[in-house]
Amino acid sequence: MTFASTVPTYSPDSFQLLTQPSASFQGYVRHIVLATVIRSEIFLHLALLLTALTISTIKP
């Protein structure tokens, strides 16, 4: 009786735990990768802007 009542509740929960966090973890990793790429592009643009400003101020 207890075994029959625990098996149907245990297997879908374990199946959800096996399938769901992998997708959410992939979304989380993708979000982190996109955030770091965007941040690095912003830093790259800021560095290019600073170098352009320093070159323009040093040159004349």
Protein backbone atom coordinates (compact mmCIF):
# COMPACT_ATOMS: atom_id res chain seq x y z
CA MET A 1 0.00 0.00 0.00
CA THR A 2 2.72 2.47 0.92
CA PHE A 3 4.93 1.30 -1.93
CA ALA A 4 2.10 1.73 -4.44
CA SER A 5 1.34 5.20 -3.08
CA THR A 6 4.96 6.38 -3.12
CA VAL A 7 5.90 5.14 -6.59
CA PRO A 8 3.45 7.25 -8.68
CA THR A 9 4.31 10.40 -6.72
CA TYR A 10 8.04 9.72 -6.75
CA SER A 11 8.58 8.93 -10.41
CA PRO A 12 6.97 12.07 -11.95
CA ASP A 13 8.74 14.30 -9.44
CA SER A 14 12.09 12.70 -10.22
CA PHE A 15 11.30 12.92 -13.92
CA GLN A 16 10.50 16.64 -13.58
CA LEU A 17 13.66 17.12 -11.54
CA LEU A 18 15.64 15.35 -14.24
CA THR A 19 14.10 17.21 -17.19
CA GLN A 20 13.22 20.67 -15.89
CA PRO A 21 16.40 22.00 -14.22
CA SER A 22 18.50 21.06 -17.23
CA ALA A 23 16.46 23.39 -19.44
CA SER A 24 16.42 26.15 -16.82
CA PHE A 25 20.16 25.66 -16.28
CA GLN A 26 20.77 25.94 -20.03
CA GLY A 27 18.71 29.14 -20.09
CA TYR A 28 20.66 30.44 -17.12
CA VAL A 29 23.99 29.62 -18.78
CA ARG A 30 22.82 31.23 -22.02
CA HIS A 31 21.75 34.34 -20.11
CA ILE A 32 25.14 34.53 -18.37
CA VAL A 33 26.98 34.09 -21.68
CA LEU A 34 24.89 36.77 -23.37
CA ALA A 35 25.34 39.14 -20.45
CA THR A 36 29.11 38.67 -20.47
CA VAL A 37 29.25 39.12 -24.25
CA ILE A 38 27.19 42.32 -24.07
CA ARG A 39 29.27 43.58 -21.15
CA SER A 40 32.53 42.82 -22.97
CA GLU A 41 31.23 44.61 -26.08
CA ILE A 42 30.30 47.63 -23.95
CA PHE A 43 33.77 47.59 -22.40
CA LEU A 44 35.32 47.24 -25.86
CA HIS A 45 33.35 50.22 -27.15
CA LEU A 46 34.28 52.26 -24.08
CA ALA A 47 37.94 51.37 -24.55
CA LEU A 48 37.81 52.33 -28.23
CA LEU A 49 36.06 55.58 -27.34
CA LEU A 50 38.66 56.37 -24.68
CA THR A 51 41.54 55.60 -27.03
CA ALA A 52 39.94 57.74 -29.74
CA LEU A 53 39.47 60.59 -27.29
CA THR A 54 43.05 60.35 -26.01
CA ILE A 55 44.43 60.19 -29.56
CA SER A 56 42.34 63.18 -30.59
CA THR A 57 43.45 65.16 -27.54
CA ILE A 58 47.12 64.21 -27.90
CA LYS A 59 47.34 64.66 -31.67
CA PRO A 60 46.58 68.38 -32.01
